[in-house]
Amino acid sequence: MDFTQAFFQIWQTTGLASICWQQLVMIAVCLFLLWLGIKKQFEPLLLIPIAFGGLLANIPMPAGEEIAGPNGFLGIVFNAGINSGLFPLFIFMAVGAMTDFGPLIANPKMALLGGAAQFGIFATLIGAVALSYIYIGDKQLFAFGLKEAASIGIIGGADGPTSIYLTSRLAPQLLGSIAVAAYSYMALVPVIQPPIMKLLTTDAERKIRMTQLRTVSKREKILFPLVILLLCAFLLPSAAPLIGALTFGNLVKESGVADRLSKTLQNEFCNIVTILLGLSVGSKLQYDHFLVTETLGILVLGIIAFSVATASGVLLAKLMNFFSKTKINPLIGSAGVSAVPMAARVSNKVGLEYDKQNYLLMHAMGPNVAGVIGSAVAAGVLLALLGK
C-alpha cells in the first residue's frame, strides 16, 4: 500500500469525508443556541442540553447514528422518555412542586387571563391548516394536517413539556422543530413580550396599581390541587396525565409533611429529567428532519402563536376593566402564557419602568400559573379531538 492509498483510507475514516453542507448548517444553528444559552443566559438549563444534543445528532456517519439513531444512547433515551410521554409528565411534577397557586386562589378571575392566552393556540392551528393550501405549481408547500397544526399551535402556550407531550402523541415527526421553537420562544420572552405589551396599553394603564392580595390559608392550598384534579378527571380525562402530574407535585409541596419529596422534585429529580429531556429532544435536530420547508413554517407560526397569546391576555385584561370596580393592570395579562415564572417577571419589569413603586409580580403569578393549567387543558382538548 503506497502513501496515497494509505492517506485515502485514513481520510475515509474521518468525519470530513462524509459530512454534508446541511450538517454544517445544523452545527452552526446548535452553536448559536449554545451562545444564546451561555452568553445571553436565555433558558440555559434547557437550551444547552438541546443544543448539545443537536451537535451530537449531526456528527457524520456512522458515529452520529450510534449516538442519535434508534439504537444509540440518545435514541434509547428518546424512546424511553419522549415517545412514552414520561419526561413531560416528570417535568410537570417538578413544576407543580415549584409552583405557588396562592395568587390564583386569592384572585380567581385571573384564571380568565390564563385562558385568554390559549387563544393563540387555536388561532395558530387555523393558520397552520391554511398554510397547507399553499401550492407552488403542483407542489404543496406545507403539508400540515390537523394533527400537525395542533402540535404547532400548542407552541402558543409557551409550555415546552406540554408541546413535547402533545407533539409526541399527534405528530412525532415534527418533535425536533416544535421543541426547539417552543423552548426558544420561552427563552425569548423578555425580548418578544414587552413590545407587544407596550403597543397595546396606554401610559396610564401601565401605571395602574392593584389591590393587595388576601392571605390564602394552608387548607385552601391543599384542597386546590385536589379539586383541579377531580374536575379534570370528570370533565376532561384526556388532560388528566398532565394535570395529575402537576397537581401531585403541588400537593407534595403544600401538604407540608413531605419536604424531602418536595425538595427532590424541585432539585435533583427536575435537573436529571431536564438533562435527559434536553439531550434527547436535541437528538431530533438531525439535518434531514430539520432543514425542510415545514420547519420554516413551524418557526414562523410559533412566533405568531406566542405573540397572539400575549396580545390576547393583555386585551382581555383591558376588557375586564370595563366591568370591574377594582382595576387590573393590563400588563399582567401577558403572563397568561405558561412560561413560569419568566412571563410574570417580565410583567413586573415593564410595570416598574413606568412606576418604580408598582410591583406586579405576585399579581402576574395568578394568570401565569393559570396559563400552565390552561395549556394542559388545551392539550387535553386537542388530544380528545384528534388523538385517535
Protein backbone atom coordinates (compact mmCIF):
# COMPACT_ATOMS: atom_id res chain seq x y z
CA MET A 1 0.00 0.00 0.00
CA ASP A 2 1.56 3.27 -1.10
CA PHE A 3 1.26 6.61 0.67
CA THR A 4 -1.68 7.82 -1.48
CA GLN A 5 -3.76 4.74 -0.73
CA ALA A 6 -2.95 4.94 2.98
CA PHE A 7 -3.87 8.61 3.09
CA PHE A 8 -7.14 7.95 1.24
CA GLN A 9 -8.03 5.10 3.59
CA ILE A 10 -7.37 7.27 6.63
CA TRP A 11 -9.32 10.14 5.06
CA GLN A 12 -12.34 7.88 4.59
CA THR A 13 -12.44 7.23 8.32
CA THR A 14 -12.75 10.94 9.17
CA GLY A 15 -15.95 12.89 9.51
CA LEU A 16 -14.78 15.38 6.90
CA ALA A 17 -15.10 12.72 4.20
CA SER A 18 -18.82 12.13 4.83
CA ILE A 19 -20.10 15.45 6.18
CA CYS A 20 -22.57 17.43 4.07
CA TRP A 21 -23.37 21.13 4.00
CA GLN A 22 -26.72 20.56 5.70
CA GLN A 23 -24.93 19.10 8.72
CA LEU A 24 -22.65 22.14 8.82
CA VAL A 25 -25.72 24.40 8.84
CA MET A 26 -27.27 22.49 11.74
CA ILE A 27 -23.98 22.54 13.65
CA ALA A 28 -23.94 26.33 13.21
CA VAL A 29 -27.56 26.52 14.45
CA CYS A 30 -26.71 24.44 17.52
CA LEU A 31 -23.66 26.59 18.26
CA PHE A 32 -25.91 29.66 18.04
CA LEU A 33 -28.33 28.10 20.54
CA LEU A 34 -25.39 27.38 22.84
CA TRP A 35 -24.36 31.03 22.53
CA LEU A 36 -27.86 32.15 23.48
CA GLY A 37 -27.85 29.85 26.49
CA ILE A 38 -24.32 30.64 27.73
CA LYS A 39 -23.67 34.23 26.69
CA LYS A 40 -27.22 35.64 26.81
CA GLN A 41 -28.43 33.22 29.52
CA PHE A 42 -31.70 32.53 27.68
CA GLU A 43 -33.08 29.44 29.46
CA PRO A 44 -29.59 27.86 29.73
CA LEU A 45 -30.90 24.83 31.62
CA LEU A 46 -32.89 23.93 28.51
CA LEU A 47 -31.01 25.40 25.56
CA ILE A 48 -27.62 23.97 26.50
CA PRO A 49 -28.77 20.29 26.61
CA ILE A 50 -30.95 20.72 23.49
CA ALA A 51 -28.17 22.42 21.51
CA PHE A 52 -25.56 19.88 22.58
CA GLY A 53 -27.89 17.03 21.69
CA GLY A 54 -28.25 18.65 18.25
CA LEU A 55 -24.47 18.73 17.86
CA LEU A 56 -24.25 15.03 18.69
CA ALA A 57 -27.07 14.25 16.25
CA ASN A 58 -25.25 15.91 13.37
CA ILE A 59 -21.93 14.16 13.78
CA PRO A 60 -21.20 12.43 10.43
CA MET A 61 -21.96 8.76 9.99
CA PRO A 62 -21.52 6.24 11.45
CA ALA A 63 -20.79 7.90 14.81
CA GLY A 64 -23.87 10.12 14.58
CA GLU A 65 -26.12 7.13 14.04
CA GLU A 66 -24.55 5.35 17.00
CA ILE A 67 -25.40 8.36 19.17
CA ALA A 68 -28.77 9.63 17.92
CA GLY A 69 -30.05 6.62 15.96
CA PRO A 70 -32.74 4.29 17.32
CA ASN A 71 -30.09 2.10 18.97
CA GLY A 72 -27.82 4.95 20.05
CA PHE A 73 -27.82 6.12 23.64
CA LEU A 74 -29.81 9.27 22.85
CA GLY A 75 -32.21 7.27 20.70
CA ILE A 76 -32.82 4.89 23.59
CA VAL A 77 -33.40 7.79 25.99
CA PHE A 78 -35.73 9.44 23.46
CA ASN A 79 -37.85 6.32 23.04
CA ALA A 80 -37.99 5.68 26.79
CA GLY A 81 -38.76 9.23 27.87
CA ILE A 82 -40.26 11.19 24.98
CA ASN A 83 -42.12 8.64 22.89
CA SER A 84 -43.57 7.17 26.06
CA GLY A 85 -44.58 10.64 27.32
CA LEU A 86 -42.77 10.16 30.63
CA PHE A 87 -40.39 13.13 30.59
CA PRO A 88 -43.04 15.83 30.08
CA LEU A 89 -45.06 14.32 32.94
CA PHE A 90 -41.98 14.21 35.16
CA ILE A 91 -41.29 17.87 34.37
CA PHE A 92 -44.88 18.73 35.29
CA MET A 93 -44.40 17.04 38.67
CA ALA A 94 -41.38 19.24 39.28
CA VAL A 95 -43.22 22.35 38.06
CA GLY A 96 -46.07 21.56 40.45
CA ALA A 97 -43.65 21.29 43.35
CA MET A 98 -42.16 24.70 42.45
CA THR A 99 -45.49 26.47 41.87
CA ASP A 100 -47.46 28.57 44.34
CA PHE A 101 -51.13 28.68 43.35
CA GLY A 102 -51.82 31.17 46.14
CA PRO A 103 -52.11 34.26 43.87
CA LEU A 104 -54.61 32.44 41.64
CA ILE A 105 -56.65 31.23 44.63
CA ALA A 106 -56.65 34.75 46.11
CA ASN A 107 -57.91 36.27 42.84
CA PRO A 108 -59.70 33.54 40.83
CA LYS A 109 -60.73 35.84 37.99
CA MET A 110 -57.07 35.84 36.92
CA ALA A 111 -57.82 32.40 35.50
CA LEU A 112 -59.61 34.22 32.67
CA LEU A 113 -56.32 35.81 31.63
CA GLY A 114 -54.63 32.42 31.61
CA GLY A 115 -57.47 31.11 29.47
CA ALA A 116 -57.30 34.07 27.08
CA ALA A 117 -53.65 33.36 26.33
CA GLN A 118 -54.65 29.95 24.97
CA PHE A 119 -56.41 31.73 22.11
CA GLY A 120 -53.01 31.83 20.42
CA ILE A 121 -53.04 28.02 20.26
CA PHE A 122 -56.30 27.72 18.38
CA ALA A 123 -55.72 30.77 16.16
CA THR A 124 -52.39 29.31 15.03
CA LEU A 125 -53.96 25.91 14.48
CA ILE A 126 -56.25 27.54 11.91
CA GLY A 127 -53.28 29.34 10.37
CA ALA A 128 -51.29 26.11 10.07
CA VAL A 129 -54.18 24.39 8.30
CA ALA A 130 -54.47 27.39 5.96
CA LEU A 131 -50.79 27.04 5.01
CA SER A 132 -51.47 23.54 3.71
CA TYR A 133 -53.45 25.14 0.88
CA ILE A 134 -50.40 27.00 -0.45
CA TYR A 135 -49.00 25.47 -3.62
CA ILE A 136 -46.11 26.33 -5.92
CA GLY A 137 -47.21 24.83 -9.19
CA ASP A 138 -48.40 21.35 -8.35
CA LYS A 139 -46.27 21.10 -5.22
CA GLN A 140 -47.82 21.58 -1.79
CA LEU A 141 -45.51 23.90 0.15
CA PHE A 142 -46.63 22.92 3.67
CA ALA A 143 -48.13 19.51 4.39
CA PHE A 144 -49.85 20.31 7.69
CA GLY A 145 -52.86 18.21 8.59
CA LEU A 146 -54.99 18.80 11.68
CA LYS A 147 -52.67 16.82 13.94
CA GLU A 148 -49.59 18.71 12.75
CA ALA A 149 -51.45 22.03 13.04
CA ALA A 150 -52.49 21.25 16.62
CA SER A 151 -48.91 20.38 17.55
CA ILE A 152 -47.68 23.68 16.07
CA GLY A 153 -50.44 25.69 17.72
CA ILE A 154 -49.58 24.43 21.20
CA ILE A 155 -46.34 26.45 20.95
CA GLY A 156 -48.55 29.46 21.70
CA GLY A 157 -48.97 28.17 25.24
CA ALA A 158 -45.22 28.76 25.82
CA ASP A 159 -45.07 25.44 27.65
CA GLY A 160 -42.26 23.18 26.49
CA PRO A 161 -43.32 19.96 28.25
CA THR A 162 -46.90 20.32 27.01
CA SER A 163 -45.66 20.97 23.47
CA ILE A 164 -43.50 17.86 23.61
CA TYR A 165 -46.23 15.73 25.16
CA LEU A 166 -48.85 16.69 22.58
CA THR A 167 -46.49 16.51 19.60
CA SER A 168 -45.20 13.08 20.61
CA ARG A 169 -48.81 11.89 20.51
CA LEU A 170 -50.01 13.65 17.35
CA ALA A 171 -47.02 14.47 15.12
CA PRO A 172 -43.77 12.89 16.38
CA GLN A 173 -42.02 13.65 13.08
CA LEU A 174 -42.19 17.37 13.95
CA LEU A 175 -40.91 16.97 17.50
CA GLY A 176 -37.44 18.41 16.97
CA SER A 177 -38.65 21.57 15.23
CA ILE A 178 -41.54 22.17 17.63
CA ALA A 179 -39.46 21.56 20.76
CA VAL A 180 -36.75 23.96 19.63
CA ALA A 181 -39.34 26.59 18.65
CA ALA A 182 -41.24 26.22 21.95
CA TYR A 183 -38.16 26.43 24.17
CA SER A 184 -36.51 29.14 22.08
CA TYR A 185 -39.57 31.37 22.31
CA MET A 186 -39.85 30.64 26.02
CA ALA A 187 -36.26 31.78 26.39
CA LEU A 188 -37.01 34.91 24.35
CA VAL A 189 -39.98 36.00 26.48
CA PRO A 190 -38.10 39.14 27.70
CA VAL A 191 -37.49 40.10 24.06
CA ILE A 192 -40.82 39.18 22.42
CA GLN A 193 -43.39 40.28 25.00
CA PRO A 194 -42.50 43.88 26.02
CA PRO A 195 -43.06 45.49 22.58
CA ILE A 196 -46.49 43.83 22.32
CA MET A 197 -47.41 44.85 25.86
CA LYS A 198 -46.41 48.47 25.28
CA LEU A 199 -48.14 48.63 21.90
CA LEU A 200 -51.49 47.54 23.34
CA THR A 201 -51.52 49.60 26.55
CA THR A 202 -51.52 53.29 27.40
CA ASP A 203 -49.15 55.00 29.80
CA ALA A 204 -51.96 55.37 32.34
CA GLU A 205 -52.89 51.67 32.12
CA ARG A 206 -49.29 50.61 32.76
CA LYS A 207 -49.32 52.65 35.98
CA ILE A 208 -52.46 51.04 37.45
CA ARG A 209 -51.79 49.83 40.98
CA MET A 210 -53.66 46.72 42.00
CA THR A 211 -55.05 45.99 45.46
CA GLN A 212 -53.06 43.74 47.75
CA LEU A 213 -53.96 40.06 47.53
CA ARG A 214 -55.62 38.39 50.52
CA THR A 215 -53.80 35.77 52.53
CA VAL A 216 -54.53 32.23 51.33
CA SER A 217 -54.85 29.55 54.01
CA LYS A 218 -52.94 26.29 54.02
CA ARG A 219 -56.22 24.37 53.77
CA GLU A 220 -57.10 26.20 50.54
CA LYS A 221 -53.70 25.42 49.06
CA ILE A 222 -54.06 21.72 49.88
CA LEU A 223 -57.61 21.47 48.53
CA PHE A 224 -56.88 23.39 45.32
CA PRO A 225 -54.82 20.70 43.50
CA LEU A 226 -57.30 18.02 44.56
CA VAL A 227 -60.27 20.00 43.24
CA ILE A 228 -58.47 20.73 39.95
CA LEU A 229 -57.56 17.06 39.50
CA LEU A 230 -61.10 15.82 40.18
CA LEU A 231 -62.64 18.39 37.84
CA CYS A 232 -60.22 17.32 35.14
CA ALA A 233 -60.90 13.62 35.76
CA PHE A 234 -64.65 14.11 35.43
CA LEU A 235 -64.76 16.70 32.64
CA LEU A 236 -61.62 16.17 30.50
CA PRO A 237 -59.90 12.85 31.22
CA SER A 238 -57.53 13.27 28.25
CA ALA A 239 -55.77 16.08 30.15
CA ALA A 240 -55.52 14.02 33.35
CA PRO A 241 -51.90 12.83 32.82
CA LEU A 242 -50.54 16.40 32.64
CA ILE A 243 -52.90 17.85 35.26
CA GLY A 244 -52.37 14.83 37.51
CA ALA A 245 -48.58 15.20 37.42
CA LEU A 246 -48.84 18.95 38.07
CA THR A 247 -51.26 18.62 40.98
CA PHE A 248 -49.32 15.74 42.54
CA GLY A 249 -46.15 17.84 42.67
CA ASN A 250 -48.07 20.78 44.08
CA LEU A 251 -49.83 18.69 46.75
CA VAL A 252 -46.49 17.24 47.88
CA LYS A 253 -45.24 20.81 48.35
CA GLU A 254 -48.33 22.27 50.02
CA SER A 255 -49.00 19.32 52.34
CA GLY A 256 -46.01 20.40 54.45
CA VAL A 257 -45.33 16.84 55.58
CA ALA A 258 -43.21 15.59 52.68
CA ASP A 259 -40.39 18.13 52.50
CA ARG A 260 -37.88 15.53 51.31
CA LEU A 261 -40.07 14.60 48.36
CA SER A 262 -40.80 18.24 47.57
CA LYS A 263 -37.13 19.24 47.61
CA THR A 264 -36.21 16.21 45.49
CA LEU A 265 -38.85 17.08 42.89
CA GLN A 266 -37.70 20.70 42.79
CA ASN A 267 -33.99 19.93 42.55
CA GLU A 268 -32.37 16.56 41.78
CA PHE A 269 -35.37 14.99 40.03
CA CYS A 270 -36.05 18.08 37.91
CA ASN A 271 -32.38 18.51 36.99
CA ILE A 272 -31.93 14.89 35.89
CA VAL A 273 -35.08 14.88 33.78
CA THR A 274 -34.20 18.25 32.24
CA ILE A 275 -30.78 16.94 31.15
CA LEU A 276 -32.21 13.78 29.61
CA LEU A 277 -35.15 15.59 28.00
CA GLY A 278 -32.94 18.31 26.52
CA LEU A 279 -30.39 15.91 25.07
CA SER A 280 -32.99 13.56 23.62
CA VAL A 281 -35.02 16.42 22.08
CA GLY A 282 -31.82 17.85 20.63
CA SER A 283 -31.09 14.48 19.05
CA LYS A 284 -34.04 15.12 16.73
CA LEU A 285 -32.34 18.16 15.21
CA GLN A 286 -30.85 15.95 12.52
CA TYR A 287 -30.40 17.90 9.31
CA ASP A 288 -32.57 15.62 7.20
CA HIS A 289 -35.52 16.20 9.55
CA PHE A 290 -34.94 19.87 10.39
CA LEU A 291 -33.84 21.57 7.17
CA VAL A 292 -37.16 21.25 5.37
CA THR A 293 -39.85 23.73 4.34
CA GLU A 294 -42.13 22.65 7.18
CA THR A 295 -39.56 23.77 9.75
CA LEU A 296 -39.61 27.35 8.45
CA GLY A 297 -43.41 27.29 8.64
CA ILE A 298 -43.27 25.99 12.22
CA LEU A 299 -40.85 28.70 13.33
CA VAL A 300 -42.97 31.45 11.77
CA LEU A 301 -46.24 30.06 13.10
CA GLY A 302 -44.66 29.54 16.52
CA ILE A 303 -43.77 33.21 16.92
CA ILE A 304 -47.24 34.17 15.68
CA ALA A 305 -48.83 31.81 18.22
CA PHE A 306 -46.76 33.24 21.06
CA SER A 307 -47.47 36.83 20.01
CA VAL A 308 -51.22 36.22 19.69
CA ALA A 309 -51.27 34.54 23.12
CA THR A 310 -49.51 37.54 24.68
CA ALA A 311 -51.82 40.04 22.98
CA SER A 312 -54.96 38.08 23.92
CA GLY A 313 -54.13 38.22 27.63
CA VAL A 314 -53.42 41.95 27.53
CA LEU A 315 -56.58 42.74 25.56
CA LEU A 316 -58.81 40.67 27.86
CA ALA A 317 -57.40 42.47 30.90
CA LYS A 318 -58.31 45.79 29.25
CA LEU A 319 -61.81 44.46 28.54
CA MET A 320 -62.25 43.25 32.12
CA ASN A 321 -61.55 46.78 33.37
CA PHE A 322 -64.80 47.93 31.77
CA PHE A 323 -66.77 45.60 34.05
CA SER A 324 -64.65 45.57 37.21
CA LYS A 325 -64.64 48.05 40.08
CA THR A 326 -61.08 47.08 41.01
CA LYS A 327 -58.84 47.84 38.06
CA ILE A 328 -56.45 45.31 36.57
CA ASN A 329 -53.10 46.39 35.21
CA PRO A 330 -53.24 45.01 31.63
CA LEU A 331 -49.53 44.23 31.74
CA ILE A 332 -50.22 41.14 33.83
CA GLY A 333 -52.40 39.75 31.03
CA SER A 334 -49.24 38.88 29.09
CA ALA A 335 -48.30 36.50 31.91
CA GLY A 336 -51.18 34.23 30.88
CA VAL A 337 -48.71 32.23 28.80
CA SER A 338 -47.19 29.27 30.61
CA ALA A 339 -43.57 30.44 30.81
CA VAL A 340 -43.39 30.27 34.63
CA PRO A 341 -42.15 32.45 36.25
CA MET A 342 -40.39 34.37 33.47
CA ALA A 343 -43.55 35.84 31.95
CA ALA A 344 -44.63 37.15 35.38
CA ARG A 345 -41.21 38.69 35.89
CA VAL A 346 -41.46 40.45 32.52
CA SER A 347 -44.85 41.91 33.51
CA ASN A 348 -43.32 43.17 36.75
CA LYS A 349 -40.25 44.59 34.99
CA VAL A 350 -42.27 46.51 32.40
CA GLY A 351 -44.55 47.87 35.12
CA LEU A 352 -41.57 49.13 37.13
CA GLU A 353 -40.32 51.02 34.09
CA TYR A 354 -43.35 53.32 34.39
CA ASP A 355 -43.80 53.33 38.18
CA LYS A 356 -40.84 52.45 40.38
CA GLN A 357 -43.14 51.51 43.26
CA ASN A 358 -45.65 49.38 41.30
CA TYR A 359 -44.73 45.76 41.96
CA LEU A 360 -46.86 43.44 39.83
CA LEU A 361 -45.04 40.14 40.32
CA MET A 362 -47.48 38.45 42.70
CA HIS A 363 -50.48 39.69 40.72
CA ALA A 364 -48.91 38.40 37.49
CA MET A 365 -48.30 34.97 39.04
CA GLY A 366 -52.08 34.40 39.09
CA PRO A 367 -52.54 34.37 35.28
CA ASN A 368 -49.10 32.78 34.90
CA VAL A 369 -49.97 29.63 36.85
CA ALA A 370 -53.45 29.67 35.31
CA GLY A 371 -51.69 29.54 31.95
CA VAL A 372 -49.92 26.32 32.97
CA ILE A 373 -53.29 24.72 33.71
CA GLY A 374 -54.82 26.29 30.59
CA SER A 375 -52.18 24.91 28.24
CA ALA A 376 -52.57 21.43 29.73
CA VAL A 377 -56.35 21.67 29.31
CA ALA A 378 -55.91 22.88 25.70
CA ALA A 379 -53.63 19.91 25.02
CA GLY A 380 -56.24 17.61 26.54
CA VAL A 381 -58.94 19.05 24.30
CA LEU A 382 -56.78 18.58 21.20
CA LEU A 383 -55.91 15.03 22.23
CA ALA A 384 -59.58 14.23 22.80
CA LEU A 385 -60.48 15.55 19.35
CA LEU A 386 -57.51 14.35 17.30
CA GLY A 387 -55.74 11.66 19.32
CA LYS A 388 -57.48 8.66 17.82
